[in-house]
Amino acid sequence: MLTVALPKGRIAQETLDIFETIFDKKFIFDDRKLILDVDNFRFLLVRNQDVPAYVYHQAADIGVVGLDVLEEKEFDLLRLLDLKIGRCRVCVGMKNEDTLDYNLPDIKIATKMVNITKNYFSKKAMAVEVIKLYGSIELAPLVGLSDAIVDIVETGTTMKQNGLKVVETIMESSAHLIANKNSFIEKKEEILSLYHKIEKYI
């Protein structure tokens, strides 16, 4: 049996749609259930940010997760395939009237994505103070908590509605199929078989 960690929400639904198409079977979670068993698959519904942990600690053999989460968590996992779903960008945002001045002695950046932010600005040799928030990131520059934010942007509407603009794109992201390295060795045939079916579908 292959255990698959899926992030709750749209990506889980789109992934299950792919499975339904390639296996010609229904893959539907019962109301509020977090585990779904169909044939040789067990699906786990977990928080997006937790998918790499489930796969890394082998509670799941494979998983589907955004590239942004993989880069942020920095777990040693196999990246098998870009599923081309859940596309978004990780961007630097600021108030419409502000500009990003790289010469300032220190810039405050509010974000959920601390590692991506630190890595990005250290490559630019900029001293930034990173303030970790868990939500409502757009609020931070509006109330003077930070000079800028680093956040996920799908359409840019949320930033616009809050008087912010995208000043730089750090990375493009989409959902990837990942695998635990030990699982890949132990269940190579099953994982590769699934990989080829999904690749063909995409």
Protein backbone atom coordinates (compact mmCIF):
# COMPACT_ATOMS: atom_id res chain seq x y z
CA MET A 1 0.00 0.00 0.00
CA LEU A 2 1.15 3.52 -0.83
CA THR A 3 0.38 6.26 1.67
CA VAL A 4 -0.11 9.69 0.12
CA ALA A 5 -0.10 12.96 2.09
CA LEU A 6 -2.33 15.61 0.54
CA PRO A 7 -2.73 19.25 1.56
CA LYS A 8 -6.29 20.14 2.54
CA GLY A 9 -8.22 22.26 0.05
CA ARG A 10 -7.97 22.82 -3.67
CA ILE A 11 -4.70 20.97 -4.31
CA ALA A 12 -6.07 17.82 -2.60
CA GLN A 13 -9.18 17.99 -4.77
CA GLU A 14 -7.21 18.51 -7.99
CA THR A 15 -4.85 15.65 -7.07
CA LEU A 16 -7.77 13.30 -6.37
CA ASP A 17 -9.27 14.34 -9.73
CA ILE A 18 -6.02 13.19 -11.39
CA PHE A 19 -6.23 9.85 -9.52
CA GLU A 20 -9.89 9.43 -10.56
CA THR A 21 -8.97 9.99 -14.19
CA ILE A 22 -5.96 7.65 -14.30
CA PHE A 23 -7.55 4.85 -12.24
CA ASP A 24 -11.14 5.35 -13.39
CA LYS A 25 -12.37 5.16 -9.78
CA LYS A 26 -13.93 7.51 -7.23
CA PHE A 27 -11.58 9.00 -4.63
CA ILE A 28 -13.79 10.92 -2.19
CA PHE A 29 -13.18 11.70 1.48
CA ASP A 30 -16.22 11.17 3.71
CA ASP A 31 -17.32 14.21 5.66
CA ARG A 32 -14.60 15.39 8.09
CA LYS A 33 -12.58 12.17 7.69
CA LEU A 34 -8.81 12.61 7.37
CA ILE A 35 -7.97 9.14 5.99
CA LEU A 36 -9.23 7.60 2.76
CA ASP A 37 -8.43 4.01 1.73
CA VAL A 38 -9.01 3.01 -1.89
CA ASP A 39 -7.45 -0.18 -3.30
CA ASN A 40 -3.70 0.07 -2.74
CA PHE A 41 -3.75 3.72 -1.69
CA ARG A 42 -4.19 5.42 1.63
CA PHE A 43 -4.66 9.19 1.46
CA LEU A 44 -4.03 11.46 4.45
CA LEU A 45 -5.45 14.99 4.55
CA VAL A 46 -3.00 17.25 6.38
CA ARG A 47 -2.15 20.93 6.56
CA ASN A 48 -0.21 22.17 3.55
CA GLN A 49 2.84 23.09 5.66
CA ASP A 50 2.88 19.64 7.28
CA VAL A 51 3.05 17.53 4.09
CA PRO A 52 6.89 17.50 3.95
CA ALA A 53 7.08 16.41 7.62
CA TYR A 54 4.69 13.49 7.07
CA VAL A 55 6.70 12.33 4.05
CA TYR A 56 10.12 12.98 5.61
CA HIS A 57 9.24 10.94 8.75
CA GLN A 58 7.73 8.21 6.54
CA ALA A 59 4.19 8.52 7.92
CA ALA A 60 3.48 8.89 4.19
CA ASP A 61 5.48 7.42 1.31
CA ILE A 62 4.71 10.22 -1.11
CA GLY A 63 3.01 13.58 -0.97
CA VAL A 64 1.80 16.52 -2.98
CA VAL A 65 2.96 19.96 -1.89
CA GLY A 66 3.80 23.42 -3.22
CA LEU A 67 7.40 24.11 -4.19
CA ASP A 68 7.29 27.14 -1.87
CA VAL A 69 6.61 24.84 1.13
CA LEU A 70 9.44 22.49 0.06
CA GLU A 71 11.89 25.38 -0.19
CA GLU A 72 10.76 26.75 3.17
CA LYS A 73 10.90 23.45 5.09
CA GLU A 74 14.27 22.31 3.62
CA PHE A 75 13.63 18.59 4.25
CA ASP A 76 15.72 16.05 2.31
CA LEU A 77 13.04 14.62 0.01
CA LEU A 78 12.84 13.39 -3.57
CA ARG A 79 11.10 15.80 -5.93
CA LEU A 80 9.55 13.54 -8.53
CA LEU A 81 7.24 15.64 -10.69
CA ASP A 82 5.78 19.09 -11.18
CA LEU A 83 2.01 18.50 -11.26
CA LYS A 84 1.36 21.95 -12.82
CA ILE A 85 -1.46 22.67 -10.36
CA GLY A 86 -1.70 25.17 -7.51
CA ARG A 87 0.40 27.73 -9.34
CA CYS A 88 1.41 30.86 -7.44
CA ARG A 89 4.36 33.15 -6.85
CA VAL A 90 6.30 34.10 -3.73
CA CYS A 91 6.67 37.88 -3.89
CA VAL A 92 7.97 40.89 -2.01
CA GLY A 93 5.17 43.38 -1.42
CA MET A 94 5.18 46.97 -0.19
CA LYS A 95 2.83 49.90 0.22
CA ASN A 96 2.02 51.50 -3.16
CA GLU A 97 3.89 54.68 -2.31
CA ASP A 98 7.06 52.93 -1.05
CA THR A 99 10.10 51.65 -2.95
CA LEU A 100 12.52 48.92 -1.92
CA ASP A 101 15.77 50.69 -1.05
CA TYR A 102 18.61 48.20 -0.88
CA ASN A 103 20.87 50.73 0.81
CA LEU A 104 18.83 51.08 3.99
CA PRO A 105 20.76 49.83 7.05
CA ASP A 106 18.07 47.33 8.00
CA ILE A 107 14.71 46.48 6.52
CA LYS A 108 11.90 44.78 8.40
CA ILE A 109 10.13 42.04 6.46
CA ALA A 110 7.00 40.30 7.75
CA THR A 111 6.31 36.79 6.43
CA LYS A 112 5.26 33.20 7.12
CA MET A 113 8.22 32.06 4.98
CA VAL A 114 11.25 32.85 7.11
CA ASN A 115 13.83 30.62 5.35
CA ILE A 116 12.89 31.68 1.80
CA THR A 117 13.01 35.32 2.90
CA LYS A 118 16.37 35.05 4.68
CA ASN A 119 17.94 33.13 1.79
CA TYR A 120 16.67 35.60 -0.79
CA PHE A 121 17.88 38.73 0.96
CA SER A 122 21.20 37.20 2.05
CA LYS A 123 21.96 36.54 -1.65
CA LYS A 124 21.42 40.26 -2.18
CA ALA A 125 23.75 40.97 0.78
CA MET A 126 20.99 42.88 2.55
CA ALA A 127 20.53 43.08 6.30
CA VAL A 128 16.89 42.32 6.99
CA GLU A 129 15.01 41.69 10.19
CA VAL A 130 12.47 38.95 9.54
CA ILE A 131 9.27 39.06 11.60
CA LYS A 132 7.43 35.72 11.53
CA LEU A 133 3.65 36.00 11.29
CA TYR A 134 1.05 33.26 10.84
CA GLY A 135 -1.59 35.17 8.89
CA SER A 136 -2.90 38.57 7.74
CA ILE A 137 0.58 39.36 6.44
CA GLU A 138 -0.74 42.32 4.38
CA LEU A 139 -1.54 44.20 7.57
CA ALA A 140 2.10 44.47 8.70
CA PRO A 141 3.30 47.33 6.43
CA LEU A 142 0.00 49.19 6.83
CA VAL A 143 0.45 49.55 10.59
CA GLY A 144 4.23 50.07 10.57
CA LEU A 145 5.19 46.60 11.82
CA SER A 146 7.32 46.04 8.71
CA ASP A 147 8.68 47.86 5.64
CA ALA A 148 7.71 45.02 3.33
CA ILE A 149 6.20 41.54 3.26
CA VAL A 150 7.04 38.25 1.57
CA ASP A 151 3.89 36.33 0.74
CA ILE A 152 2.16 33.98 -1.68
CA VAL A 153 0.52 35.76 -4.60
CA GLU A 154 -1.99 34.01 -6.86
CA THR A 155 -3.75 36.90 -8.58
CA GLY A 156 -2.41 39.87 -6.62
CA THR A 157 -5.94 40.98 -5.68
CA THR A 158 -5.43 40.72 -1.90
CA MET A 159 -2.37 42.97 -2.06
CA LYS A 160 -4.12 45.49 -4.31
CA GLN A 161 -7.15 45.62 -2.03
CA ASN A 162 -4.85 46.46 0.88
CA GLY A 163 -2.94 49.24 -0.90
CA LEU A 164 0.12 47.08 -1.57
CA LYS A 165 2.04 46.28 -4.75
CA VAL A 166 4.36 43.46 -5.80
CA VAL A 167 7.92 44.82 -6.09
CA GLU A 168 9.83 41.59 -6.76
CA THR A 169 9.09 37.93 -7.46
CA ILE A 170 11.28 35.56 -5.43
CA MET A 171 10.08 32.31 -7.01
CA GLU A 172 7.32 30.66 -9.03
CA SER A 173 5.62 27.76 -7.30
CA SER A 174 3.33 24.87 -8.19
CA ALA A 175 2.41 21.56 -6.56
CA HIS A 176 5.05 18.82 -6.76
CA LEU A 177 4.88 15.07 -6.21
CA ILE A 178 7.48 14.20 -3.59
CA ALA A 179 8.70 10.95 -2.04
CA ASN A 180 10.46 9.74 1.06
CA LYS A 181 13.90 8.41 0.04
CA ASN A 182 13.53 5.11 1.95
CA SER A 183 10.00 4.57 0.65
CA PHE A 184 11.28 5.16 -2.86
CA ILE A 185 13.79 2.34 -2.42
CA GLU A 186 11.34 -0.03 -0.68
CA LYS A 187 8.35 0.65 -2.96
CA LYS A 188 10.13 1.68 -6.12
CA GLU A 189 7.88 -0.23 -8.53
CA GLU A 190 4.65 1.13 -7.06
CA ILE A 191 5.92 4.71 -6.90
CA LEU A 192 7.40 4.63 -10.41
CA SER A 193 4.25 3.07 -11.83
CA LEU A 194 2.18 5.89 -10.32
CA TYR A 195 4.74 8.47 -11.44
CA HIS A 196 4.54 7.32 -15.07
CA LYS A 197 0.72 7.32 -15.04
CA ILE A 198 0.58 10.86 -13.67
CA GLU A 199 3.32 12.06 -16.01
CA LYS A 200 1.38 10.68 -18.96
CA TYR A 201 -1.78 12.37 -17.72
CA ILE A 202 -0.05 15.74 -17.37
